[in-house]
Amino acid sequence: DDAARTADAIAAAGGTPLLVALEDAYGIAVLGVVHLK
């Protein structure tokens, strides 16, 4: 949910959110968001 909220906040401010995710032997997870503006 934190990733979704961060992405929505960036979009609301007029920016573009890019999600970054990683999958390895331990599983898959979203690491964070890159803010494009």
PDB file of all heavy atoms in Angstrom:
ATOM      1  N   ASP A   1       0.822  -1.205   0.000  1.00  0.00           N
ATOM      2  CA  ASP A   1       0.000   0.000   0.000  1.00  0.00           C
ATOM      3  C   ASP A   1       0.862   1.264   0.000  1.00  0.00           C
ATOM      4  O   ASP A   1       0.489   2.285  -0.590  1.00  0.00           O
ATOM      5  CB  ASP A   1      -0.926  -0.001   1.213  1.00  0.00           C
ATOM      6  CG  ASP A   1      -1.995  -1.078   1.125  1.00  0.00           C
ATOM      7  OD1 ASP A   1      -2.269  -1.547  -0.007  1.00  0.00           O
ATOM      8  OD2 ASP A   1      -2.549  -1.451   2.179  1.00  0.00           O
ATOM      9  N   ASP A   2       2.035   1.181   0.663  1.00  0.00           N
ATOM     10  CA  ASP A   2       2.925   2.340   0.696  1.00  0.00           C
ATOM     11  C   ASP A   2       3.361   2.738  -0.713  1.00  0.00           C
ATOM     12  O   ASP A   2       3.476   3.933  -1.034  1.00  0.00           O
ATOM     13  CB  ASP A   2       4.161   2.051   1.554  1.00  0.00           C
ATOM     14  CG  ASP A   2       3.829   2.016   3.041  1.00  0.00           C
ATOM     15  OD1 ASP A   2       2.805   2.620   3.416  1.00  0.00           O
ATOM     16  OD2 ASP A   2       4.590   1.392   3.806  1.00  0.00           O
ATOM     17  N   ALA A   3       3.630   1.751  -1.557  1.00  0.00           N
ATOM     18  CA  ALA A   3       4.040   2.033  -2.932  1.00  0.00           C
ATOM     19  C   ALA A   3       2.912   2.709  -3.695  1.00  0.00           C
ATOM     20  O   ALA A   3       3.124   3.675  -4.443  1.00  0.00           O
ATOM     21  CB  ALA A   3       4.467   0.745  -3.635  1.00  0.00           C
ATOM     22  N   ALA A   4       1.687   2.209  -3.517  1.00  0.00           N
ATOM     23  CA  ALA A   4       0.542   2.801  -4.206  1.00  0.00           C
ATOM     24  C   ALA A   4       0.302   4.231  -3.746  1.00  0.00           C
ATOM     25  O   ALA A   4       0.020   5.125  -4.560  1.00  0.00           O
ATOM     26  CB  ALA A   4      -0.697   1.942  -3.973  1.00  0.00           C
ATOM     27  N   ARG A   5       0.418   4.465  -2.421  1.00  0.00           N
ATOM     28  CA  ARG A   5       0.193   5.817  -1.905  1.00  0.00           C
ATOM     29  C   ARG A   5       1.265   6.790  -2.414  1.00  0.00           C
ATOM     30  O   ARG A   5       0.962   7.930  -2.767  1.00  0.00           O
ATOM     31  CB  ARG A   5       0.186   5.789  -0.372  1.00  0.00           C
ATOM     32  CG  ARG A   5      -1.123   5.276   0.228  1.00  0.00           C
ATOM     33  CD  ARG A   5      -1.197   5.586   1.716  1.00  0.00           C
ATOM     34  NE  ARG A   5      -0.189   4.827   2.468  1.00  0.00           N
ATOM     35  CZ  ARG A   5      -0.410   3.629   2.992  1.00  0.00           C
ATOM     36  NH1 ARG A   5      -1.601   3.048   2.866  1.00  0.00           N
ATOM     37  NH2 ARG A   5       0.539   2.997   3.674  1.00  0.00           N
ATOM     38  N   THR A   6       2.522   6.327  -2.441  1.00  0.00           N
ATOM     39  CA  THR A   6       3.604   7.198  -2.933  1.00  0.00           C
ATOM     40  C   THR A   6       3.393   7.541  -4.402  1.00  0.00           C
ATOM     41  O   THR A   6       3.566   8.700  -4.818  1.00  0.00           O
ATOM     42  CB  THR A   6       4.970   6.513  -2.749  1.00  0.00           C
ATOM     43  OG1 THR A   6       5.165   6.220  -1.365  1.00  0.00           O
ATOM     44  CG2 THR A   6       6.094   7.409  -3.243  1.00  0.00           C
ATOM     45  N   ALA A   7       3.019   6.530  -5.199  1.00  0.00           N
ATOM     46  CA  ALA A   7       2.782   6.767  -6.626  1.00  0.00           C
ATOM     47  C   ALA A   7       1.627   7.736  -6.832  1.00  0.00           C
ATOM     48  O   ALA A   7       1.691   8.648  -7.680  1.00  0.00           O
ATOM     49  CB  ALA A   7       2.510   5.446  -7.337  1.00  0.00           C
ATOM     50  N   ASP A   8       0.560   7.579  -6.061  1.00  0.00           N
ATOM     51  CA  ASP A   8      -0.588   8.474  -6.193  1.00  0.00           C
ATOM     52  C   ASP A   8      -0.218   9.908  -5.813  1.00  0.00           C
ATOM     53  O   ASP A   8      -0.678  10.872  -6.438  1.00  0.00           O
ATOM     54  CB  ASP A   8      -1.740   7.988  -5.312  1.00  0.00           C
ATOM     55  CG  ASP A   8      -2.371   6.693  -5.837  1.00  0.00           C
ATOM     56  OD1 ASP A   8      -2.146   6.377  -7.027  1.00  0.00           O
ATOM     57  OD2 ASP A   8      -3.061   6.006  -5.049  1.00  0.00           O
ATOM     58  N   ALA A   9       0.595  10.056  -4.766  1.00  0.00           N
ATOM     59  CA  ALA A   9       0.996  11.404  -4.329  1.00  0.00           C
ATOM     60  C   ALA A   9       1.838  12.098  -5.398  1.00  0.00           C
ATOM     61  O   ALA A   9       1.684  13.302  -5.648  1.00  0.00           O
ATOM     62  CB  ALA A   9       1.778  11.311  -3.014  1.00  0.00           C
ATOM     63  N   ILE A  10       2.741  11.334  -6.040  1.00  0.00           N
ATOM     64  CA  ILE A  10       3.564  11.916  -7.106  1.00  0.00           C
ATOM     65  C   ILE A  10       2.683  12.349  -8.274  1.00  0.00           C
ATOM     66  O   ILE A  10       2.849  13.447  -8.826  1.00  0.00           O
ATOM     67  CB  ILE A  10       4.628  10.896  -7.570  1.00  0.00           C
ATOM     68  CG1 ILE A  10       5.662  10.678  -6.460  1.00  0.00           C
ATOM     69  CG2 ILE A  10       5.306  11.370  -8.850  1.00  0.00           C
ATOM     70  CD1 ILE A  10       6.653   9.572  -6.759  1.00  0.00           C
ATOM     71  N   ALA A  11       1.725  11.485  -8.659  1.00  0.00           N
ATOM     72  CA  ALA A  11       0.832  11.821  -9.762  1.00  0.00           C
ATOM     73  C   ALA A  11      -0.018  13.039  -9.430  1.00  0.00           C
ATOM     74  O   ALA A  11      -0.267  13.904 -10.279  1.00  0.00           O
ATOM     75  CB  ALA A  11      -0.050  10.625 -10.100  1.00  0.00           C
ATOM     76  N   ALA A  12      -0.468  13.134  -8.174  1.00  0.00           N
ATOM     77  CA  ALA A  12      -1.294  14.264  -7.763  1.00  0.00           C
ATOM     78  C   ALA A  12      -0.522  15.579  -7.827  1.00  0.00           C
ATOM     79  O   ALA A  12      -1.108  16.646  -8.047  1.00  0.00           O
ATOM     80  CB  ALA A  12      -1.826  14.039  -6.354  1.00  0.00           C
ATOM     81  N   ALA A  13       0.789  15.510  -7.636  1.00  0.00           N
ATOM     82  CA  ALA A  13       1.630  16.711  -7.684  1.00  0.00           C
ATOM     83  C   ALA A  13       2.076  17.046  -9.099  1.00  0.00           C
ATOM     84  O   ALA A  13       2.849  17.982  -9.300  1.00  0.00           O
ATOM     85  CB  ALA A  13       2.855  16.528  -6.788  1.00  0.00           C
ATOM     86  N   GLY A  14       1.587  16.271 -10.077  1.00  0.00           N
ATOM     87  CA  GLY A  14       1.941  16.549 -11.463  1.00  0.00           C
ATOM     88  C   GLY A  14       3.146  15.796 -11.960  1.00  0.00           C
ATOM     89  O   GLY A  14       3.606  16.030 -13.084  1.00  0.00           O
ATOM     90  N   GLY A  15       3.697  14.871 -11.157  1.00  0.00           N
ATOM     91  CA  GLY A  15       4.853  14.101 -11.572  1.00  0.00           C
ATOM     92  C   GLY A  15       4.464  12.757 -12.160  1.00  0.00           C
ATOM     93  O   GLY A  15       3.276  12.436 -12.311  1.00  0.00           O
ATOM     94  N   THR A  16       5.470  11.956 -12.491  1.00  0.00           N
ATOM     95  CA  THR A  16       5.254  10.611 -13.025  1.00  0.00           C
ATOM     96  C   THR A  16       5.975   9.612 -12.133  1.00  0.00           C
ATOM     97  O   THR A  16       7.200   9.706 -11.983  1.00  0.00           O
ATOM     98  CB  THR A  16       5.788  10.489 -14.457  1.00  0.00           C
ATOM     99  OG1 THR A  16       5.107  11.430 -15.293  1.00  0.00           O
ATOM    100  CG2 THR A  16       5.576   9.086 -15.005  1.00  0.00           C
ATOM    101  N   PRO A  17       5.247   8.653 -11.535  1.00  0.00           N
ATOM    102  CA  PRO A  17       5.916   7.646 -10.690  1.00  0.00           C
ATOM    103  C   PRO A  17       6.358   6.439 -11.512  1.00  0.00           C
ATOM    104  O   PRO A  17       5.626   5.959 -12.377  1.00  0.00           O
ATOM    105  CB  PRO A  17       4.822   7.259  -9.698  1.00  0.00           C
ATOM    106  CG  PRO A  17       3.542   7.452 -10.466  1.00  0.00           C
ATOM    107  CD  PRO A  17       3.782   8.570 -11.442  1.00  0.00           C
ATOM    108  N   LEU A  18       7.579   5.955 -11.248  1.00  0.00           N
ATOM    109  CA  LEU A  18       8.076   4.719 -11.834  1.00  0.00           C
ATOM    110  C   LEU A  18       8.353   3.737 -10.693  1.00  0.00           C
ATOM    111  O   LEU A  18       9.120   4.068  -9.777  1.00  0.00           O
ATOM    112  CB  LEU A  18       9.363   4.962 -12.634  1.00  0.00           C
ATOM    113  CG  LEU A  18       9.297   5.932 -13.820  1.00  0.00           C
ATOM    114  CD1 LEU A  18      10.672   6.069 -14.455  1.00  0.00           C
ATOM    115  CD2 LEU A  18       8.276   5.475 -14.842  1.00  0.00           C
ATOM    116  N   LEU A  19       7.747   2.584 -10.746  1.00  0.00           N
ATOM    117  CA  LEU A  19       8.009   1.570  -9.728  1.00  0.00           C
ATOM    118  C   LEU A  19       9.259   0.784 -10.093  1.00  0.00           C
ATOM    119  O   LEU A  19       9.538   0.535 -11.270  1.00  0.00           O
ATOM    120  CB  LEU A  19       6.832   0.606  -9.601  1.00  0.00           C
ATOM    121  CG  LEU A  19       5.525   1.144  -9.004  1.00  0.00           C
ATOM    122  CD1 LEU A  19       4.547  -0.010  -8.778  1.00  0.00           C
ATOM    123  CD2 LEU A  19       5.763   1.887  -7.709  1.00  0.00           C
ATOM    124  N   VAL A  20      10.014   0.387  -9.073  1.00  0.00           N
ATOM    125  CA  VAL A  20      11.195  -0.461  -9.245  1.00  0.00           C
ATOM    126  C   VAL A  20      10.971  -1.730  -8.419  1.00  0.00           C
ATOM    127  O   VAL A  20      10.692  -1.649  -7.210  1.00  0.00           O
ATOM    128  CB  VAL A  20      12.482   0.257  -8.787  1.00  0.00           C
ATOM    129  CG1 VAL A  20      13.686  -0.659  -8.979  1.00  0.00           C
ATOM    130  CG2 VAL A  20      12.669   1.571  -9.550  1.00  0.00           C
ATOM    131  N   ALA A  21      11.074  -2.879  -9.079  1.00  0.00           N
ATOM    132  CA  ALA A  21      10.841  -4.161  -8.392  1.00  0.00           C
ATOM    133  C   ALA A  21      11.979  -5.126  -8.684  1.00  0.00           C
ATOM    134  O   ALA A  21      12.636  -5.025  -9.739  1.00  0.00           O
ATOM    135  CB  ALA A  21       9.510  -4.767  -8.831  1.00  0.00           C
ATOM    136  N   LEU A  22      12.215  -6.049  -7.751  1.00  0.00           N
ATOM    137  CA  LEU A  22      13.313  -7.011  -7.871  1.00  0.00           C
ATOM    138  C   LEU A  22      12.816  -8.406  -7.500  1.00  0.00           C
ATOM    139  O   LEU A  22      12.080  -8.570  -6.516  1.00  0.00           O
ATOM    140  CB  LEU A  22      14.473  -6.594  -6.967  1.00  0.00           C
ATOM    141  CG  LEU A  22      15.718  -7.481  -6.950  1.00  0.00           C
ATOM    142  CD1 LEU A  22      16.968  -6.640  -6.796  1.00  0.00           C
ATOM    143  CD2 LEU A  22      15.638  -8.502  -5.801  1.00  0.00           C
ATOM    144  N   GLU A  23      13.224  -9.394  -8.297  1.00  0.00           N
ATOM    145  CA  GLU A  23      12.910 -10.797  -8.010  1.00  0.00           C
ATOM    146  C   GLU A  23      14.207 -11.589  -7.972  1.00  0.00           C
ATOM    147  O   GLU A  23      15.007 -11.526  -8.910  1.00  0.00           O
ATOM    148  CB  GLU A  23      11.990 -11.368  -9.087  1.00  0.00           C
ATOM    149  CG  GLU A  23      11.610 -12.823  -8.840  1.00  0.00           C
ATOM    150  CD  GLU A  23      10.782 -13.427  -9.960  1.00  0.00           C
ATOM    151  OE1 GLU A  23      10.712 -12.805 -11.052  1.00  0.00           O
ATOM    152  OE2 GLU A  23      10.230 -14.526  -9.759  1.00  0.00           O
ATOM    153  N   ASP A  24      14.429 -12.317  -6.854  1.00  0.00           N
ATOM    154  CA  ASP A  24      15.616 -13.168  -6.754  1.00  0.00           C
ATOM    155  C   ASP A  24      15.219 -14.458  -6.042  1.00  0.00           C
ATOM    156  O   ASP A  24      14.030 -14.773  -5.908  1.00  0.00           O
ATOM    157  CB  ASP A  24      16.754 -12.434  -6.042  1.00  0.00           C
ATOM    158  CG  ASP A  24      16.398 -12.009  -4.627  1.00  0.00           C
ATOM    159  OD1 ASP A  24      15.326 -12.421  -4.127  1.00  0.00           O
ATOM    160  OD2 ASP A  24      17.169 -11.251  -4.014  1.00  0.00           O
ATOM    161  N   ALA A  25      16.221 -15.142  -5.563  1.00  0.00           N
ATOM    162  CA  ALA A  25      15.958 -16.442  -4.936  1.00  0.00           C
ATOM    163  C   ALA A  25      15.126 -16.317  -3.673  1.00  0.00           C
ATOM    164  O   ALA A  25      14.505 -17.290  -3.220  1.00  0.00           O
ATOM    165  CB  ALA A  25      17.281 -17.149  -4.626  1.00  0.00           C
ATOM    166  N   TYR A  26      15.076 -15.112  -3.090  1.00  0.00           N
ATOM    167  CA  TYR A  26      14.337 -14.911  -1.849  1.00  0.00           C
ATOM    168  C   TYR A  26      12.878 -14.520  -2.097  1.00  0.00           C
ATOM    169  O   TYR A  26      12.093 -14.427  -1.172  1.00  0.00           O
ATOM    170  CB  TYR A  26      15.015 -13.833  -1.003  1.00  0.00           C
ATOM    171  CG  TYR A  26      16.420 -14.200  -0.601  1.00  0.00           C
ATOM    172  CD1 TYR A  26      17.508 -13.743  -1.332  1.00  0.00           C
ATOM    173  CD2 TYR A  26      16.645 -15.010   0.508  1.00  0.00           C
ATOM    174  CE1 TYR A  26      18.803 -14.083  -0.967  1.00  0.00           C
ATOM    175  CE2 TYR A  26      17.941 -15.358   0.885  1.00  0.00           C
ATOM    176  CZ  TYR A  26      19.023 -14.896   0.140  1.00  0.00           C
ATOM    177  OH  TYR A  26      20.298 -15.233   0.486  1.00  0.00           O
ATOM    178  N   GLY A  27      12.558 -14.198  -3.335  1.00  0.00           N
ATOM    179  CA  GLY A  27      11.185 -13.810  -3.639  1.00  0.00           C
ATOM    180  C   GLY A  27      11.154 -12.541  -4.470  1.00  0.00           C
ATOM    181  O   GLY A  27      12.160 -12.114  -5.058  1.00  0.00           O
ATOM    182  N   ILE A  28       9.992 -11.901  -4.550  1.00  0.00           N
ATOM    183  CA  ILE A  28       9.800 -10.697  -5.359  1.00  0.00           C
ATOM    184  C   ILE A  28       9.234  -9.592  -4.482  1.00  0.00           C
ATOM    185  O   ILE A  28       8.405  -9.848  -3.594  1.00  0.00           O
ATOM    186  CB  ILE A  28       8.862 -10.986  -6.555  1.00  0.00           C
ATOM    187  CG1 ILE A  28       8.771  -9.759  -7.468  1.00  0.00           C
ATOM    188  CG2 ILE A  28       7.459 -11.403  -6.094  1.00  0.00           C
ATOM    189  CD1 ILE A  28       8.084 -10.051  -8.780  1.00  0.00           C
ATOM    190  N   ALA A  29       9.718  -8.361  -4.727  1.00  0.00           N
ATOM    191  CA  ALA A  29       9.267  -7.242  -3.890  1.00  0.00           C
ATOM    192  C   ALA A  29       9.442  -5.936  -4.646  1.00  0.00           C
ATOM    193  O   ALA A  29      10.317  -5.801  -5.514  1.00  0.00           O
ATOM    194  CB  ALA A  29      10.040  -7.198  -2.582  1.00  0.00           C
ATOM    195  N   VAL A  30       8.614  -4.971  -4.320  1.00  0.00           N
ATOM    196  CA  VAL A  30       8.762  -3.605  -4.832  1.00  0.00           C
ATOM    197  C   VAL A  30       9.738  -2.878  -3.914  1.00  0.00           C
ATOM    198  O   VAL A  30       9.548  -2.852  -2.691  1.00  0.00           O
ATOM    199  CB  VAL A  30       7.402  -2.878  -4.873  1.00  0.00           C
ATOM    200  CG1 VAL A  30       7.598  -1.426  -5.307  1.00  0.00           C
ATOM    201  CG2 VAL A  30       6.445  -3.592  -5.809  1.00  0.00           C
ATOM    202  N   LEU A  31      10.800  -2.292  -4.507  1.00  0.00           N
ATOM    203  CA  LEU A  31      11.822  -1.604  -3.706  1.00  0.00           C
ATOM    204  C   LEU A  31      11.465  -0.145  -3.430  1.00  0.00           C
ATOM    205  O   LEU A  31      11.817   0.400  -2.377  1.00  0.00           O
ATOM    206  CB  LEU A  31      13.179  -1.669  -4.409  1.00  0.00           C
ATOM    207  CG  LEU A  31      13.736  -3.073  -4.687  1.00  0.00           C
ATOM    208  CD1 LEU A  31      15.088  -2.960  -5.379  1.00  0.00           C
ATOM    209  CD2 LEU A  31      13.849  -3.873  -3.401  1.00  0.00           C
ATOM    210  N   GLY A  32      10.794   0.480  -4.373  1.00  0.00           N
ATOM    211  CA  GLY A  32      10.479   1.892  -4.184  1.00  0.00           C
ATOM    212  C   GLY A  32       9.990   2.525  -5.463  1.00  0.00           C
ATOM    213  O   GLY A  32       9.629   1.844  -6.426  1.00  0.00           O
ATOM    214  N   VAL A  33      10.032   3.852  -5.464  1.00  0.00           N
ATOM    215  CA  VAL A  33       9.482   4.631  -6.574  1.00  0.00           C
ATOM    216  C   VAL A  33      10.516   5.657  -7.029  1.00  0.00           C
ATOM    217  O   VAL A  33      11.201   6.274  -6.199  1.00  0.00           O
ATOM    218  CB  VAL A  33       8.188   5.359  -6.151  1.00  0.00           C
ATOM    219  CG1 VAL A  33       7.570   6.111  -7.332  1.00  0.00           C
ATOM    220  CG2 VAL A  33       7.181   4.369  -5.571  1.00  0.00           C
ATOM    221  N   VAL A  34      10.616   5.815  -8.338  1.00  0.00           N
ATOM    222  CA  VAL A  34      11.430   6.895  -8.913  1.00  0.00           C
ATOM    223  C   VAL A  34      10.479   8.019  -9.303  1.00  0.00           C
ATOM    224  O   VAL A  34       9.484   7.792 -10.012  1.00  0.00           O
ATOM    225  CB  VAL A  34      12.218   6.415 -10.145  1.00  0.00           C
ATOM    226  CG1 VAL A  34      13.024   7.570 -10.729  1.00  0.00           C
ATOM    227  CG2 VAL A  34      13.134   5.258  -9.779  1.00  0.00           C
ATOM    228  N   HIS A  35      10.770   9.211  -8.839  1.00  0.00           N
ATOM    229  CA  HIS A  35       9.930  10.369  -9.120  1.00  0.00           C
ATOM    230  C   HIS A  35      10.452  11.082 -10.366  1.00  0.00           C
ATOM    231  O   HIS A  35      11.535  11.660 -10.356  1.00  0.00           O
ATOM    232  CB  HIS A  35       9.943  11.327  -7.920  1.00  0.00           C
ATOM    233  CG  HIS A  35       9.062  12.531  -8.095  1.00  0.00           C
ATOM    234  ND1 HIS A  35       9.019  13.562  -7.184  1.00  0.00           N
ATOM    235  CD2 HIS A  35       8.177  12.867  -9.067  1.00  0.00           C
ATOM    236  CE1 HIS A  35       8.159  14.472  -7.596  1.00  0.00           C
ATOM    237  NE2 HIS A  35       7.639  14.073  -8.740  1.00  0.00           N
ATOM    238  N   LEU A  36       9.670  11.036 -11.454  1.00  0.00           N
ATOM    239  CA  LEU A  36       9.972  11.814 -12.658  1.00  0.00           C
ATOM    240  C   LEU A  36       9.169  13.098 -12.621  1.00  0.00           C
ATOM    241  O   LEU A  36       7.988  13.092 -12.260  1.00  0.00           O
ATOM    242  CB  LEU A  36       9.600  11.035 -13.923  1.00  0.00           C
ATOM    243  CG  LEU A  36      10.406   9.804 -14.314  1.00  0.00           C
ATOM    244  CD1 LEU A  36       9.881   9.254 -15.630  1.00  0.00           C
ATOM    245  CD2 LEU A  36      11.882  10.099 -14.420  1.00  0.00           C
ATOM    246  N   LYS A  37       9.786  14.188 -13.009  1.00  0.00           N
ATOM    247  CA  LYS A  37       9.061  15.450 -13.001  1.00  0.00           C
ATOM    248  C   LYS A  37       9.579  16.358 -14.101  1.00  0.00           C
ATOM    249  O   LYS A  37      10.695  16.213 -14.594  1.00  0.00           O
ATOM    250  CB  LYS A  37       9.199  16.152 -11.651  1.00  0.00           C
ATOM    251  CG  LYS A  37      10.627  16.556 -11.296  1.00  0.00           C
ATOM    252  CD  LYS A  37      10.705  17.327  -9.988  1.00  0.00           C
ATOM    253  CE  LYS A  37      10.028  18.654 -10.085  1.00  0.00           C
ATOM    254  NZ  LYS A  37      10.218  19.496  -8.880  1.00  0.00           N
TER     255      LYS A  37
END
